[in-house]
N, C-alpha and C. Protein backbone atom coordinates (compact mmCIF):
# COMPACT_ATOMS: atom_id res chain seq x y z
N MET A 1 100.96 133.49 95.83
CA MET A 1 100.31 132.43 96.56
C MET A 1 101.23 131.21 96.54
N LEU A 2 101.80 130.90 97.69
CA LEU A 2 102.74 129.79 97.76
C LEU A 2 102.04 128.45 97.84
N ILE A 3 100.93 128.41 98.57
CA ILE A 3 100.15 127.18 98.69
C ILE A 3 98.91 127.37 97.85
N GLY A 4 98.59 126.37 97.04
CA GLY A 4 97.46 126.50 96.14
C GLY A 4 96.14 126.65 96.85
N GLY A 5 95.26 127.43 96.24
CA GLY A 5 93.93 127.62 96.78
C GLY A 5 93.18 128.66 95.97
N PHE A 6 91.92 128.83 96.29
CA PHE A 6 91.07 129.76 95.54
C PHE A 6 90.69 130.98 96.35
N SER A 7 91.28 131.19 97.51
CA SER A 7 90.86 132.28 98.40
C SER A 7 91.04 133.66 97.80
N GLY A 8 92.16 133.93 97.17
CA GLY A 8 92.43 135.27 96.67
C GLY A 8 92.11 135.48 95.20
N VAL A 9 91.36 134.58 94.60
CA VAL A 9 91.08 134.67 93.17
C VAL A 9 90.00 135.72 92.90
N GLU A 10 90.24 136.56 91.89
CA GLU A 10 89.29 137.59 91.50
C GLU A 10 88.70 137.27 90.14
N TYR A 11 87.62 137.96 89.79
CA TYR A 11 86.92 137.68 88.54
C TYR A 11 87.77 137.97 87.30
N ALA A 12 88.68 138.92 87.38
CA ALA A 12 89.56 139.20 86.24
C ALA A 12 90.46 138.00 85.95
N GLN A 13 90.91 137.33 87.00
CA GLN A 13 91.73 136.14 86.83
C GLN A 13 90.90 134.99 86.25
N VAL A 14 89.66 134.87 86.70
CA VAL A 14 88.78 133.83 86.17
C VAL A 14 88.50 134.07 84.70
N ALA A 15 88.33 135.33 84.30
CA ALA A 15 88.10 135.65 82.89
C ALA A 15 89.31 135.27 82.04
N LEU A 16 90.51 135.56 82.52
CA LEU A 16 91.72 135.17 81.80
C LEU A 16 91.82 133.65 81.69
N LEU A 17 91.50 132.98 82.77
CA LEU A 17 91.53 131.51 82.76
C LEU A 17 90.49 130.95 81.79
N ALA A 18 89.34 131.59 81.70
CA ALA A 18 88.30 131.14 80.78
C ALA A 18 88.75 131.29 79.32
N VAL A 19 89.45 132.36 79.00
CA VAL A 19 89.95 132.55 77.64
C VAL A 19 90.97 131.46 77.31
N VAL A 20 91.89 131.20 78.23
CA VAL A 20 92.88 130.15 78.01
C VAL A 20 92.19 128.79 77.88
N PHE A 21 91.17 128.54 78.70
CA PHE A 21 90.44 127.29 78.64
C PHE A 21 89.80 127.08 77.27
N VAL A 22 89.15 128.10 76.75
CA VAL A 22 88.48 127.98 75.44
C VAL A 22 89.50 127.66 74.35
N ILE A 23 90.64 128.33 74.38
CA ILE A 23 91.67 128.10 73.36
C ILE A 23 92.24 126.69 73.49
N VAL A 24 92.61 126.30 74.70
CA VAL A 24 93.21 124.97 74.92
C VAL A 24 92.21 123.87 74.60
N PHE A 25 90.97 124.01 75.05
CA PHE A 25 89.96 122.99 74.77
C PHE A 25 89.69 122.88 73.28
N GLY A 26 89.59 124.01 72.59
CA GLY A 26 89.36 123.98 71.15
C GLY A 26 90.47 123.28 70.40
N LEU A 27 91.71 123.60 70.75
CA LEU A 27 92.84 122.95 70.07
C LEU A 27 92.94 121.47 70.45
N ALA A 28 92.70 121.15 71.71
CA ALA A 28 92.75 119.74 72.12
C ALA A 28 91.67 118.94 71.39
N PHE A 29 90.50 119.53 71.22
CA PHE A 29 89.44 118.83 70.50
C PHE A 29 89.79 118.65 69.02
N CYS A 30 90.47 119.63 68.43
CA CYS A 30 90.89 119.51 67.03
C CYS A 30 91.89 118.39 66.82
N PHE A 31 92.76 118.17 67.79
CA PHE A 31 93.82 117.17 67.66
C PHE A 31 93.52 115.87 68.41
N CYS A 32 92.30 115.69 68.90
CA CYS A 32 92.01 114.55 69.78
C CYS A 32 92.16 113.20 69.08
N SER A 33 91.88 113.11 67.80
CA SER A 33 92.06 111.83 67.10
C SER A 33 93.54 111.45 67.06
N GLY A 34 94.38 112.42 66.77
CA GLY A 34 95.82 112.17 66.76
C GLY A 34 96.35 111.81 68.13
N PHE A 35 95.83 112.47 69.19
CA PHE A 35 96.25 112.15 70.54
C PHE A 35 95.85 110.73 70.93
N THR A 36 94.67 110.31 70.49
CA THR A 36 94.22 108.95 70.78
C THR A 36 95.12 107.93 70.11
N VAL A 37 95.45 108.14 68.85
CA VAL A 37 96.34 107.21 68.13
C VAL A 37 97.74 107.25 68.72
N MET A 38 98.16 108.42 69.19
CA MET A 38 99.49 108.55 69.78
C MET A 38 99.62 107.78 71.09
N SER A 39 98.50 107.44 71.72
CA SER A 39 98.57 106.67 72.96
C SER A 39 98.96 105.23 72.70
N LEU A 40 98.88 104.81 71.46
CA LEU A 40 99.37 103.48 71.08
C LEU A 40 100.89 103.52 71.03
N ASP A 41 101.51 102.42 70.72
CA ASP A 41 102.97 102.43 70.63
C ASP A 41 103.41 103.22 69.40
N GLN A 42 104.70 103.58 69.37
CA GLN A 42 105.23 104.46 68.33
C GLN A 42 105.11 103.86 66.93
N GLN A 43 105.40 102.58 66.80
CA GLN A 43 105.34 101.96 65.47
C GLN A 43 103.92 101.96 64.92
N THR A 44 102.95 101.65 65.76
CA THR A 44 101.56 101.62 65.31
C THR A 44 101.08 103.01 64.92
N SER A 45 101.36 104.00 65.77
CA SER A 45 100.90 105.35 65.45
C SER A 45 101.60 105.90 64.22
N ARG A 46 102.87 105.58 64.05
CA ARG A 46 103.59 106.01 62.85
C ARG A 46 103.02 105.31 61.61
N GLY A 47 102.69 104.03 61.76
CA GLY A 47 102.10 103.28 60.65
C GLY A 47 100.72 103.78 60.27
N LEU A 48 100.01 104.38 61.21
CA LEU A 48 98.70 104.93 60.91
C LEU A 48 98.78 106.36 60.38
N GLY A 49 99.99 106.86 60.20
CA GLY A 49 100.17 108.16 59.57
C GLY A 49 100.14 109.36 60.49
N VAL A 50 100.36 109.15 61.77
CA VAL A 50 100.35 110.27 62.71
C VAL A 50 101.72 110.93 62.72
N ALA A 51 101.74 112.24 62.56
CA ALA A 51 102.99 113.01 62.64
C ALA A 51 103.30 113.23 64.11
N GLN A 52 104.07 112.31 64.68
CA GLN A 52 104.31 112.32 66.12
C GLN A 52 105.03 113.58 66.59
N GLY A 53 106.02 114.01 65.84
CA GLY A 53 106.78 115.20 66.25
C GLY A 53 105.89 116.42 66.39
N HIS A 54 105.03 116.63 65.42
CA HIS A 54 104.14 117.80 65.45
C HIS A 54 103.13 117.68 66.60
N LEU A 55 102.59 116.49 66.79
CA LEU A 55 101.62 116.31 67.87
C LEU A 55 102.25 116.47 69.25
N TRP A 56 103.51 116.04 69.40
CA TRP A 56 104.20 116.23 70.68
C TRP A 56 104.37 117.73 70.97
N VAL A 57 104.69 118.49 69.94
CA VAL A 57 104.85 119.94 70.12
C VAL A 57 103.51 120.57 70.50
N VAL A 58 102.43 120.20 69.78
CA VAL A 58 101.11 120.73 70.09
C VAL A 58 100.70 120.34 71.51
N ALA A 59 100.87 119.07 71.86
CA ALA A 59 100.49 118.61 73.21
C ALA A 59 101.29 119.34 74.28
N THR A 60 102.58 119.53 74.06
CA THR A 60 103.41 120.23 75.03
C THR A 60 102.97 121.68 75.19
N LEU A 61 102.68 122.35 74.09
CA LEU A 61 102.22 123.74 74.17
C LEU A 61 100.87 123.85 74.89
N LEU A 62 99.96 122.93 74.61
CA LEU A 62 98.67 122.95 75.29
C LEU A 62 98.83 122.71 76.79
N ILE A 63 99.68 121.76 77.14
CA ILE A 63 99.91 121.46 78.56
C ILE A 63 100.55 122.65 79.27
N VAL A 64 101.53 123.26 78.64
CA VAL A 64 102.22 124.40 79.25
C VAL A 64 101.26 125.58 79.43
N CYS A 65 100.46 125.86 78.42
CA CYS A 65 99.50 126.98 78.52
C CYS A 65 98.45 126.73 79.60
N ALA A 66 97.88 125.53 79.62
CA ALA A 66 96.85 125.21 80.61
C ALA A 66 97.42 125.21 82.02
N THR A 67 98.60 124.61 82.20
CA THR A 67 99.22 124.56 83.51
C THR A 67 99.65 125.94 83.98
N GLY A 68 100.25 126.70 83.08
CA GLY A 68 100.70 128.05 83.45
C GLY A 68 99.55 128.94 83.89
N ALA A 69 98.46 128.91 83.15
CA ALA A 69 97.30 129.73 83.51
C ALA A 69 96.69 129.26 84.82
N SER A 70 96.58 127.96 85.00
CA SER A 70 95.98 127.43 86.24
C SER A 70 96.83 127.74 87.46
N VAL A 71 98.12 127.58 87.34
CA VAL A 71 99.01 127.86 88.47
C VAL A 71 99.07 129.36 88.75
N ALA A 72 98.99 130.18 87.72
CA ALA A 72 98.99 131.62 87.93
C ALA A 72 97.76 132.07 88.71
N VAL A 73 96.63 131.41 88.51
CA VAL A 73 95.40 131.80 89.19
C VAL A 73 95.27 131.12 90.56
N ALA A 74 95.47 129.82 90.62
CA ALA A 74 95.16 129.08 91.83
C ALA A 74 96.37 128.62 92.62
N GLY A 75 97.56 128.78 92.10
CA GLY A 75 98.74 128.28 92.80
C GLY A 75 98.99 126.82 92.45
N ASN A 76 99.91 126.23 93.16
CA ASN A 76 100.32 124.86 92.88
C ASN A 76 99.41 123.88 93.61
N ILE A 77 98.52 123.24 92.84
CA ILE A 77 97.62 122.24 93.41
C ILE A 77 97.89 120.93 92.67
N GLY A 78 98.31 119.92 93.41
CA GLY A 78 98.70 118.67 92.78
C GLY A 78 97.56 117.69 92.57
N PHE A 79 97.86 116.60 91.97
CA PHE A 79 97.04 115.44 91.73
C PHE A 79 96.03 115.59 90.60
N VAL A 80 95.42 116.75 90.42
CA VAL A 80 94.30 116.88 89.51
C VAL A 80 94.68 116.44 88.10
N GLY A 81 95.81 116.89 87.60
CA GLY A 81 96.23 116.53 86.24
C GLY A 81 96.69 115.10 86.10
N LEU A 82 97.09 114.47 87.19
CA LEU A 82 97.56 113.09 87.14
C LEU A 82 96.46 112.09 87.49
N GLY A 83 95.75 112.37 88.54
CA GLY A 83 94.81 111.39 89.06
C GLY A 83 93.45 111.37 88.40
N ILE A 84 92.89 112.53 88.13
CA ILE A 84 91.54 112.58 87.57
C ILE A 84 91.48 111.91 86.20
N PRO A 85 92.41 112.18 85.27
CA PRO A 85 92.35 111.46 83.99
C PRO A 85 92.46 109.95 84.15
N GLN A 86 93.29 109.48 85.08
CA GLN A 86 93.40 108.05 85.32
C GLN A 86 92.11 107.47 85.88
N LEU A 87 91.49 108.21 86.79
CA LEU A 87 90.23 107.77 87.37
C LEU A 87 89.13 107.70 86.31
N ILE A 88 89.04 108.72 85.48
CA ILE A 88 88.04 108.74 84.41
C ILE A 88 88.30 107.61 83.42
N ASN A 89 89.55 107.39 83.07
CA ASN A 89 89.88 106.33 82.12
C ASN A 89 89.64 104.95 82.72
N THR A 90 89.74 104.83 84.04
CA THR A 90 89.43 103.55 84.69
C THR A 90 87.93 103.30 84.69
N ILE A 91 87.16 104.35 84.95
CA ILE A 91 85.70 104.21 84.98
C ILE A 91 85.14 104.00 83.57
N TRP A 92 85.58 104.85 82.62
CA TRP A 92 85.11 104.76 81.23
C TRP A 92 86.30 104.61 80.31
N PRO A 93 86.78 103.40 80.11
CA PRO A 93 87.91 103.23 79.18
C PRO A 93 87.48 103.65 77.78
N GLY A 94 88.30 104.43 77.16
CA GLY A 94 87.96 104.88 75.82
C GLY A 94 89.03 105.77 75.26
N SER A 95 88.68 106.45 74.21
CA SER A 95 89.64 107.30 73.51
C SER A 95 89.75 108.65 74.22
N PHE A 96 90.75 109.39 73.80
CA PHE A 96 90.97 110.74 74.32
C PHE A 96 89.75 111.61 74.05
N LYS A 97 89.19 111.47 72.87
CA LYS A 97 88.04 112.28 72.48
C LYS A 97 86.82 111.99 73.36
N GLN A 98 86.60 110.74 73.68
CA GLN A 98 85.46 110.37 74.51
C GLN A 98 85.61 110.86 75.95
N ASN A 99 86.83 110.87 76.46
CA ASN A 99 87.05 111.18 77.86
C ASN A 99 87.44 112.63 78.14
N LEU A 100 87.62 113.44 77.10
CA LEU A 100 88.08 114.82 77.31
C LEU A 100 87.08 115.61 78.15
N GLY A 101 85.83 115.58 77.80
CA GLY A 101 84.82 116.32 78.55
C GLY A 101 84.63 115.78 79.96
N PHE A 102 84.58 114.45 80.08
CA PHE A 102 84.42 113.83 81.41
C PHE A 102 85.59 114.18 82.32
N THR A 103 86.78 114.23 81.75
CA THR A 103 87.96 114.56 82.55
C THR A 103 87.89 115.99 83.06
N MET A 104 87.49 116.91 82.20
CA MET A 104 87.39 118.31 82.63
C MET A 104 86.31 118.48 83.69
N ILE A 105 85.17 117.86 83.50
CA ILE A 105 84.09 117.97 84.49
C ILE A 105 84.49 117.28 85.79
N GLY A 106 85.15 116.12 85.69
CA GLY A 106 85.61 115.42 86.88
C GLY A 106 86.63 116.23 87.67
N GLY A 107 87.56 116.88 86.97
CA GLY A 107 88.54 117.73 87.64
C GLY A 107 87.89 118.91 88.34
N ALA A 108 86.90 119.52 87.66
CA ALA A 108 86.20 120.65 88.26
C ALA A 108 85.42 120.23 89.50
N ILE A 109 84.73 119.11 89.41
CA ILE A 109 83.96 118.61 90.56
C ILE A 109 84.90 118.26 91.72
N PHE A 110 86.01 117.60 91.40
CA PHE A 110 86.98 117.24 92.44
C PHE A 110 87.50 118.48 93.15
N MET A 111 87.88 119.52 92.38
CA MET A 111 88.43 120.72 93.00
C MET A 111 87.37 121.48 93.79
N ALA A 112 86.13 121.51 93.30
CA ALA A 112 85.07 122.19 94.05
C ALA A 112 84.81 121.48 95.37
N LEU A 113 84.77 120.15 95.35
CA LEU A 113 84.55 119.39 96.59
C LEU A 113 85.73 119.52 97.54
N ALA A 114 86.95 119.47 97.00
CA ALA A 114 88.13 119.62 97.86
C ALA A 114 88.17 121.02 98.48
N ASP A 115 87.80 122.05 97.72
CA ASP A 115 87.77 123.41 98.25
C ASP A 115 86.69 123.54 99.32
N LEU A 116 85.55 122.91 99.10
CA LEU A 116 84.47 122.93 100.09
C LEU A 116 84.92 122.26 101.39
N VAL A 117 85.56 121.12 101.29
CA VAL A 117 86.05 120.42 102.48
C VAL A 117 87.12 121.26 103.17
N ALA A 118 88.03 121.86 102.40
CA ALA A 118 89.11 122.66 102.98
C ALA A 118 88.57 123.86 103.77
N LYS A 119 87.43 124.40 103.33
CA LYS A 119 86.90 125.59 104.00
C LYS A 119 85.90 125.27 105.11
N THR A 120 85.37 124.05 105.15
CA THR A 120 84.32 123.77 106.12
C THR A 120 84.65 122.71 107.17
N VAL A 121 85.70 121.93 106.99
CA VAL A 121 85.94 120.82 107.91
C VAL A 121 86.32 121.32 109.30
N ILE A 122 87.05 122.41 109.39
CA ILE A 122 87.38 123.01 110.69
C ILE A 122 86.83 124.45 110.66
N PRO A 123 85.79 124.73 111.41
CA PRO A 123 85.20 126.08 111.37
C PRO A 123 86.21 127.16 111.75
N GLY A 124 86.23 128.22 110.95
CA GLY A 124 87.12 129.34 111.22
C GLY A 124 88.53 129.17 110.69
N THR A 125 88.83 128.02 110.12
CA THR A 125 90.17 127.74 109.60
C THR A 125 90.05 127.13 108.20
N GLU A 126 90.92 127.58 107.32
CA GLU A 126 90.93 127.00 105.98
C GLU A 126 92.17 126.12 105.84
N LEU A 127 91.93 124.85 105.55
CA LEU A 127 93.05 123.93 105.34
C LEU A 127 93.72 124.22 104.00
N PRO A 128 95.00 123.92 103.87
CA PRO A 128 95.68 124.13 102.58
C PRO A 128 95.08 123.21 101.51
N LEU A 129 94.55 123.80 100.46
CA LEU A 129 93.88 123.04 99.42
C LEU A 129 94.85 122.09 98.70
N ALA A 130 96.08 122.54 98.50
CA ALA A 130 97.06 121.70 97.81
C ALA A 130 97.33 120.42 98.60
N ALA A 131 97.49 120.54 99.90
CA ALA A 131 97.74 119.35 100.73
C ALA A 131 96.52 118.45 100.77
N LEU A 132 95.35 119.04 100.90
CA LEU A 132 94.13 118.25 100.97
C LEU A 132 93.87 117.50 99.66
N SER A 133 94.05 118.18 98.53
CA SER A 133 93.83 117.50 97.25
C SER A 133 94.87 116.40 97.02
N ALA A 134 96.08 116.61 97.49
CA ALA A 134 97.11 115.57 97.36
C ALA A 134 96.77 114.35 98.22
N ILE A 135 96.26 114.57 99.41
CA ILE A 135 95.91 113.45 100.28
C ILE A 135 94.74 112.67 99.69
N ILE A 136 93.67 113.38 99.33
CA ILE A 136 92.49 112.72 98.76
C ILE A 136 92.86 112.05 97.44
N GLY A 137 93.55 112.79 96.59
CA GLY A 137 93.93 112.26 95.28
C GLY A 137 94.88 111.10 95.38
N GLY A 138 95.80 111.16 96.33
CA GLY A 138 96.72 110.04 96.51
C GLY A 138 96.00 108.77 96.89
N CYS A 139 94.97 108.90 97.72
CA CYS A 139 94.17 107.72 98.09
C CYS A 139 93.45 107.14 96.87
N PHE A 140 92.86 108.02 96.05
CA PHE A 140 92.21 107.56 94.82
C PHE A 140 93.20 106.87 93.90
N LEU A 141 94.35 107.49 93.70
CA LEU A 141 95.35 106.93 92.79
C LEU A 141 95.87 105.59 93.31
N PHE A 142 96.08 105.49 94.62
CA PHE A 142 96.51 104.23 95.21
C PHE A 142 95.47 103.14 94.98
N ALA A 143 94.19 103.49 95.16
CA ALA A 143 93.12 102.52 94.95
C ALA A 143 93.07 102.06 93.49
N ILE A 144 93.28 102.98 92.57
CA ILE A 144 93.27 102.61 91.15
C ILE A 144 94.41 101.64 90.84
N VAL A 145 95.59 101.95 91.38
CA VAL A 145 96.75 101.10 91.12
C VAL A 145 96.61 99.75 91.84
N ALA A 146 96.17 99.79 93.09
CA ALA A 146 96.11 98.56 93.88
C ALA A 146 94.99 97.62 93.45
N PHE A 147 93.84 98.18 93.08
CA PHE A 147 92.69 97.35 92.77
C PHE A 147 92.32 97.35 91.30
N GLY A 148 93.21 97.87 90.47
CA GLY A 148 92.96 97.89 89.02
C GLY A 148 93.03 96.50 88.44
N GLU A 149 92.79 96.41 87.15
CA GLU A 149 92.83 95.10 86.49
C GLU A 149 94.22 94.50 86.56
N ARG A 150 94.26 93.25 86.83
CA ARG A 150 95.54 92.54 86.92
C ARG A 150 95.94 92.01 85.53
N VAL A 151 97.21 92.08 85.26
CA VAL A 151 97.72 91.54 84.00
C VAL A 151 98.05 90.07 84.21
N ILE A 152 97.50 89.22 83.39
CA ILE A 152 97.72 87.78 83.50
C ILE A 152 98.77 87.37 82.48
N ARG A 153 99.83 86.79 82.94
CA ARG A 153 100.89 86.32 82.04
C ARG A 153 100.89 84.80 82.03
N GLU A 154 100.94 84.25 80.85
CA GLU A 154 100.94 82.79 80.75
C GLU A 154 102.27 82.29 80.28
């Protein structure tokens, strides 16, 4: 599948994706306090006792596993991993632990709606889901950047 989409996905692929999801979510939840502290600057997180090297390895492995499984099933669909977490963090600023579930649900809802629009906007034709999600997501991301909180320097 060169262009991302859900048209050719079978239940065996969904089952494999579900297994990867459970493993990645479980490990991400186990390390969520460290990930939250790691979002601070390096000196602060090091001062709070976070083993940055180990957490970077864990985070990288989780990202690679989740991305690899998702791309293997649905193809290359952009924006979801970049835009949805930013949107959720803009709506509910908080820690990684607080936003983990909201981010996953938000990504799922976004992809379901984008897939629905891709299949129904032009009867008899399915629009490329990757392009549609990039267009919609790009607009959301632009709005977040353009209308986000302004930094005041004195």
